[in-house]
Protein backbone atom coordinates (compact mmCIF):
# COMPACT_ATOMS: atom_id res chain seq x y z
CA MET A 1 14.02 21.69 -23.91
CA LYS A 2 17.65 21.95 -22.79
CA GLU A 3 20.16 22.28 -25.62
CA SER A 4 22.09 19.26 -24.33
CA HIS A 5 19.26 16.94 -25.28
CA ASN A 6 19.66 17.42 -29.03
CA PRO A 7 23.03 18.92 -29.92
CA ASP A 8 23.18 17.59 -33.50
CA GLN A 9 19.69 18.21 -34.79
CA SER A 10 18.78 20.48 -37.68
CA ARG A 11 15.61 21.35 -35.74
CA LYS A 12 13.98 20.36 -32.50
CA PRO A 13 11.31 17.67 -32.67
CA LYS A 14 7.73 18.74 -32.15
CA ILE A 15 6.57 17.01 -28.99
CA GLY A 16 2.98 16.13 -28.17
CA VAL A 17 1.62 14.80 -24.88
CA VAL A 18 -1.64 12.87 -24.81
CA VAL A 19 -3.37 12.01 -21.55
CA GLY A 20 -6.21 9.56 -22.03
CA SER A 21 -9.41 8.75 -20.18
CA GLY A 22 -9.31 6.97 -16.87
CA GLY A 23 -11.24 8.86 -14.21
CA MET A 24 -9.22 9.11 -11.02
CA LYS A 25 -6.52 6.86 -12.51
CA ALA A 26 -5.46 9.78 -14.71
CA LEU A 27 -3.91 11.38 -11.62
CA SER A 28 -0.98 9.05 -12.23
CA SER A 29 -0.03 11.32 -15.15
CA ILE A 30 1.08 13.98 -12.66
CA ALA A 31 4.37 12.06 -12.54
CA LEU A 32 4.85 12.60 -16.27
CA PHE A 33 4.40 16.36 -15.99
CA GLU A 34 6.78 16.41 -13.03
CA PHE A 35 9.38 14.70 -15.22
CA LEU A 36 8.81 17.12 -18.12
CA ASP A 37 9.39 20.03 -15.74
CA GLU A 38 12.46 18.39 -14.25
CA VAL A 39 14.29 17.92 -17.56
CA GLN A 40 12.80 21.07 -19.13
CA ILE A 41 11.29 19.43 -22.18
CA ASP A 42 9.41 21.91 -24.35
CA VAL A 43 6.00 20.51 -25.27
CA ASP A 44 4.29 21.78 -28.41
CA LEU A 45 0.86 20.21 -28.05
CA LEU A 46 -1.26 18.88 -25.18
CA ILE A 47 -4.34 16.73 -25.79
CA GLY A 48 -6.57 15.50 -22.99
CA CYS A 49 -9.56 13.22 -22.82
CA SER A 50 -12.02 12.67 -19.96
CA GLY A 51 -10.23 12.17 -16.63
CA GLY A 52 -6.93 13.14 -18.22
CA SER A 53 -8.24 16.56 -19.22
CA SER A 54 -8.31 18.13 -15.75
CA VAL A 55 -4.74 17.03 -14.94
CA LEU A 56 -3.43 18.17 -18.30
CA ALA A 57 -5.31 21.49 -18.06
CA SER A 58 -3.82 22.20 -14.65
CA TRP A 59 -0.29 21.74 -16.00
CA ALA A 60 -1.10 23.87 -19.03
CA CYS A 61 -2.02 26.64 -16.58
CA GLY A 62 1.53 26.52 -15.22
CA ASN A 63 0.95 24.49 -12.07
CA ASN A 64 3.62 22.15 -10.72
CA ALA A 65 3.14 18.62 -9.37
CA GLU A 66 2.54 19.83 -5.81
CA VAL A 67 -0.28 22.17 -6.80
CA MET A 68 -1.78 19.57 -9.14
CA THR A 69 -1.83 17.04 -6.31
CA GLU A 70 -3.50 19.53 -3.96
CA GLN A 71 -6.16 20.21 -6.59
CA ALA A 72 -6.74 16.49 -7.02
CA TYR A 73 -7.38 15.95 -3.32
CA LYS A 74 -9.71 18.93 -3.18
CA PHE A 75 -11.68 17.85 -6.25
CA TRP A 76 -11.99 14.12 -5.64
CA GLY A 77 -12.19 14.58 -1.88
CA ASN A 78 -15.55 16.34 -2.19
CA LYS A 79 -17.85 13.50 -1.07
CA ASP A 80 -20.91 15.19 -2.55
CA LEU A 81 -19.34 15.62 -5.99
CA LEU A 82 -20.62 12.37 -7.47
CA THR A 83 -23.38 11.47 -5.04
CA ARG A 84 -26.02 14.12 -5.78
CA THR A 85 -28.68 12.08 -7.55
CA ASP A 86 -31.11 13.83 -9.88
CA TYR A 87 -34.27 12.20 -8.56
CA ARG A 88 -36.42 13.44 -11.42
CA THR A 89 -34.15 11.49 -13.75
CA LEU A 90 -34.41 8.47 -11.47
CA LEU A 91 -38.22 8.72 -11.50
CA SER A 92 -38.23 8.95 -15.29
CA ILE A 93 -36.22 5.71 -15.55
CA ALA A 94 -38.83 3.96 -13.44
CA GLY A 95 -41.64 5.55 -15.45
CA LEU A 96 -43.07 7.22 -12.34
CA PRO A 97 -44.98 10.51 -12.13
CA PHE A 98 -42.94 13.74 -11.93
CA GLY A 99 -40.04 12.02 -13.64
CA ARG A 100 -38.17 13.99 -16.27
CA PHE A 101 -35.17 13.33 -18.46
CA ASP A 102 -33.65 15.07 -21.48
CA LYS A 103 -30.20 15.73 -22.93
CA SER A 104 -29.53 18.43 -20.33
CA ARG A 105 -29.89 16.02 -17.42
CA GLY A 106 -28.10 12.99 -16.03
CA LEU A 107 -28.44 10.47 -13.25
CA LEU A 108 -26.18 12.74 -11.18
CA LYS A 109 -26.30 16.51 -10.89
CA SER A 110 -23.44 18.46 -12.42
CA ASP A 111 -23.53 21.67 -10.36
CA LEU A 112 -20.75 20.75 -7.93
CA ALA A 113 -18.42 19.52 -10.69
CA LEU A 114 -18.99 22.72 -12.67
CA LYS A 115 -18.37 24.79 -9.54
CA ALA A 116 -15.16 22.88 -8.81
CA TYR A 117 -13.82 23.51 -12.31
CA ASP A 118 -14.81 27.17 -12.04
CA GLU A 119 -12.78 27.46 -8.84
CA MET A 120 -9.88 25.66 -10.48
CA PHE A 121 -9.75 27.49 -13.82
CA GLY A 122 -11.94 30.59 -13.49
CA GLU A 123 -12.27 32.58 -16.72
CA ARG A 124 -9.18 31.11 -18.38
CA ARG A 125 -9.58 30.34 -22.06
CA ILE A 126 -7.98 27.44 -23.89
CA GLU A 127 -6.44 29.65 -26.55
CA ASP A 128 -4.63 31.73 -23.88
CA LEU A 129 -2.79 28.81 -22.27
CA ARG A 130 1.02 28.74 -22.39
CA ILE A 131 0.98 25.59 -24.54
CA ARG A 132 -1.33 24.77 -27.42
CA THR A 133 -4.00 22.57 -25.82
CA MET A 134 -6.94 20.53 -27.09
CA PHE A 135 -9.69 18.53 -25.42
CA GLN A 136 -11.48 15.49 -26.82
CA THR A 137 -15.27 15.47 -26.53
CA THR A 138 -18.14 13.70 -28.32
CA ASP A 139 -21.28 15.18 -29.88
CA LEU A 140 -24.20 13.68 -27.98
CA LEU A 141 -26.62 13.81 -30.91
CA SER A 142 -24.35 12.60 -33.72
CA GLY A 143 -21.62 10.64 -31.92
CA GLU A 144 -18.99 12.59 -33.84
CA PRO A 145 -15.68 13.39 -32.13
CA VAL A 146 -15.35 17.09 -31.32
CA MET A 147 -11.96 18.58 -30.44
CA LEU A 148 -12.10 21.79 -28.43
CA SER A 149 -9.18 24.19 -28.90
CA LYS A 150 -10.81 27.46 -27.86
CA GLY A 151 -13.36 28.68 -25.35
CA LEU A 152 -13.61 28.54 -21.57
CA LEU A 153 -11.22 26.00 -20.09
CA ARG A 154 -13.62 24.99 -17.32
CA ASP A 155 -16.36 24.11 -19.83
CA ALA A 156 -14.02 22.08 -22.03
CA VAL A 157 -12.65 20.08 -19.10
CA TYR A 158 -16.14 19.32 -17.82
CA ALA A 159 -17.51 18.34 -21.23
CA SER A 160 -14.50 16.12 -21.93
CA GLY A 161 -15.34 14.09 -18.80
CA ALA A 162 -19.15 14.28 -18.83
CA LEU A 163 -19.92 10.56 -18.84
CA PHE A 164 -23.49 10.76 -20.12
CA PRO A 165 -26.04 9.61 -18.98
CA LEU A 166 -24.33 9.41 -15.59
CA LEU A 167 -23.43 13.10 -15.86
CA PRO A 168 -25.27 15.67 -18.01
CA ALA A 169 -23.84 16.78 -21.33
CA LEU A 170 -22.91 20.45 -21.74
CA CYS A 171 -24.03 22.78 -24.53
CA ILE A 172 -21.02 24.56 -26.09
CA ASP A 173 -21.45 26.68 -29.22
CA GLY A 174 -24.82 25.08 -29.93
CA ARG A 175 -23.62 21.47 -29.63
CA TRP A 176 -24.38 19.13 -26.74
CA LEU A 177 -21.02 17.64 -25.82
CA MET A 178 -20.24 14.65 -23.61
CA ASP A 179 -17.27 12.52 -22.60
CA GLY A 180 -14.56 12.20 -25.23
CA VAL A 181 -14.13 8.57 -24.20
CA TYR A 182 -17.08 7.65 -26.44
CA SER A 183 -15.23 8.70 -29.59
CA SER A 184 -11.49 8.64 -28.80
CA PRO A 185 -10.35 7.49 -25.32
CA LEU A 186 -6.69 8.14 -26.19
CA PRO A 187 -6.55 10.75 -28.99
CA VAL A 188 -3.05 9.89 -30.21
CA LEU A 189 -4.29 10.09 -33.79
CA GLU A 190 -5.00 13.79 -33.28
CA ALA A 191 -1.39 14.35 -32.26
CA VAL A 192 -0.25 12.45 -35.34
CA ASN A 193 -2.52 14.53 -37.57
CA ASN A 194 -1.00 17.66 -36.02
CA ASP A 195 2.47 16.56 -37.18
CA MET A 196 4.02 15.82 -33.81
CA ASP A 197 7.40 14.12 -34.21
CA VAL A 198 7.44 12.54 -30.75
CA VAL A 199 4.21 11.64 -28.97
CA ILE A 200 4.11 10.70 -25.29
CA ALA A 201 0.84 8.99 -24.36
CA MET A 202 -0.44 8.07 -20.90
CA THR A 203 -2.79 5.08 -20.66
CA TYR A 204 -4.33 3.18 -17.76
CA GLU A 205 -5.34 -0.43 -17.39
CA GLU A 206 -7.19 -2.41 -14.73
CA ARG A 207 -6.35 -6.08 -14.51
CA THR A 208 -8.81 -7.57 -12.07
CA THR A 209 -11.59 -10.14 -12.04
CA SER A 210 -12.87 -9.30 -8.56
CA GLU A 211 -16.47 -8.23 -8.15
CA SER A 212 -17.55 -4.61 -7.90
CA ARG A 213 -20.08 -3.24 -5.46
CA GLY A 214 -23.05 -1.12 -6.44
CA PHE A 215 -24.55 0.25 -9.65
CA VAL A 216 -22.00 2.97 -10.42
CA PRO A 217 -18.91 0.73 -10.10
CA TYR A 218 -20.43 -1.85 -12.44
CA PHE A 219 -21.57 0.89 -14.83
CA MET A 220 -18.03 2.29 -14.95
CA ARG A 221 -16.58 -1.16 -15.35
CA CYS A 222 -18.77 -2.00 -18.34
CA GLN A 223 -18.05 1.38 -19.89
CA GLY A 224 -14.36 0.66 -19.47
CA TYR A 225 -14.53 -2.58 -21.46
CA SER A 226 -15.81 -0.89 -24.62
CA HIS A 227 -13.52 2.11 -24.20
CA HIS A 228 -10.50 -0.16 -23.80
CA TRP A 229 -11.08 -1.93 -27.11
CA LEU A 230 -11.84 1.31 -28.93
CA GLN A 231 -8.58 2.71 -27.60
CA ARG A 232 -6.61 -0.33 -28.74
CA ASN A 233 -7.98 -0.14 -32.27
CA GLN A 234 -7.37 3.60 -32.62
CA THR A 235 -3.89 3.29 -31.14
CA ALA A 236 -2.96 0.59 -33.65
CA LEU A 237 -4.00 2.90 -36.49
CA SER A 238 -1.99 5.78 -35.02
CA VAL A 239 1.16 3.65 -34.76
CA GLU A 240 0.76 2.50 -38.36
CA MET A 241 0.42 6.08 -39.61
CA HIS A 242 3.15 7.68 -37.51
CA HIS A 243 6.65 8.01 -38.98
CA HIS A 244 8.50 8.95 -35.84
CA GLU A 245 8.16 7.95 -32.20
CA ILE A 246 5.16 7.22 -29.98
CA VAL A 247 6.07 6.39 -26.39
CA PHE A 248 3.26 4.73 -24.44
CA ILE A 249 3.27 4.85 -20.66
CA ASN A 250 0.76 2.31 -19.41
CA VAL A 251 -0.13 2.40 -15.72
CA VAL A 252 -1.50 -0.94 -14.53
CA PHE A 253 -3.84 -1.31 -11.55
CA ASP A 254 -4.62 -4.68 -9.98
CA LYS A 255 -7.85 -3.42 -8.41
CA PHE A 256 -10.85 -1.51 -9.67
CA ILE A 257 -10.50 2.25 -9.09
CA SER A 258 -13.92 3.81 -8.57
CA LEU A 259 -14.79 7.49 -8.83
CA ARG A 260 -14.85 7.61 -5.03
CA SER A 261 -11.53 5.90 -4.25
CA VAL A 262 -10.01 9.00 -2.66
CA ARG A 263 -8.06 6.93 -0.14
CA ARG A 264 -6.21 5.34 -3.05
CA ILE A 265 -4.83 8.58 -4.48
CA PRO A 266 -1.38 8.01 -2.91
CA GLU A 267 -1.29 4.57 -4.57
CA ILE A 268 -2.34 6.07 -7.91
CA LEU A 269 0.38 8.71 -7.70
CA GLU A 270 3.01 6.12 -6.76
CA LYS A 271 2.08 3.81 -9.63
CA GLY A 272 2.37 6.77 -11.99
CA LYS A 273 5.87 7.54 -10.70
CA LYS A 274 7.00 3.94 -11.23
CA ALA A 275 5.52 3.77 -14.73
CA VAL A 276 7.14 7.06 -15.78
CA GLU A 277 10.46 6.05 -14.23
CA GLN A 278 10.54 2.98 -16.48
CA LYS A 279 9.99 5.13 -19.57
CA LYS A 280 12.28 8.10 -18.91
CA GLU A 281 15.18 6.78 -20.95
CA GLU A 282 12.88 5.82 -23.82
CA ILE A 283 11.38 9.31 -23.88
CA LEU A 284 14.78 11.01 -23.90
CA ALA A 285 16.09 8.58 -26.53
CA ALA A 286 13.11 9.30 -28.80
CA ILE A 287 13.80 13.02 -28.54
CA ASN A 288 17.58 12.77 -28.89
CA SER A 289 17.46 10.42 -31.87
CA PHE A 290 15.13 12.63 -33.87
CA SER A 291 16.81 13.30 -37.20
CA GLY A 292 14.86 16.40 -38.23
């Protein structure tokens, strides 16, 4: 961070950035990383969950907002990414012959998502990133939260967003891991437990009563209800425990954002810019007022 931000401090504050779950809505957090680059704020810890993990991981690799946006269009613009149905799973749901389902399968196939993350991150490992980075996942068999801080980046990002049983879980170090949204949609508490002085957290909210269309949109909508309340409860606990500053940047959408709303990416990015713009002074004030 630039020296001018904190001229009177005995030490710089430790700054953590948390990007929560939200599917495609998490692309709005690109605006936050653009701001952090612009004012040269040194971040000490990055924590991502679900949809927020891929955006956060890209920035941790050293990419700027332009590259992150290009990656987003390439990833979400793949029409086959979330449309490849595993018909053996579908047959098993209906109880029909030749149906098969186990913890390694989902309603959708994962091969294209895994390939996309491989192209994006290659053989990069979490522990080799320029900033200490962690990814929230959930143990499929126990329901316990599992935080990944080492291993292949591509595997961690996929597991953090593997919304089982829609997408298959992934076996990492002998544990079947699925979407972190099931255990901690916004892992602010992890940043608190890691002694961050200032925590910047990106959240997303849909305020709409309009009807959805199709199975997947309604599935995602119902998942979102439970995740929203879990996030609120955990956030309240984090605020109560934290002795310094937590700045929440909440991006509000007035329409449901599905996993296939590629045409709405410009709107998502713009809403992120507006939300971050409203919080810039609060972020800088939290950093500047840190007493050490």
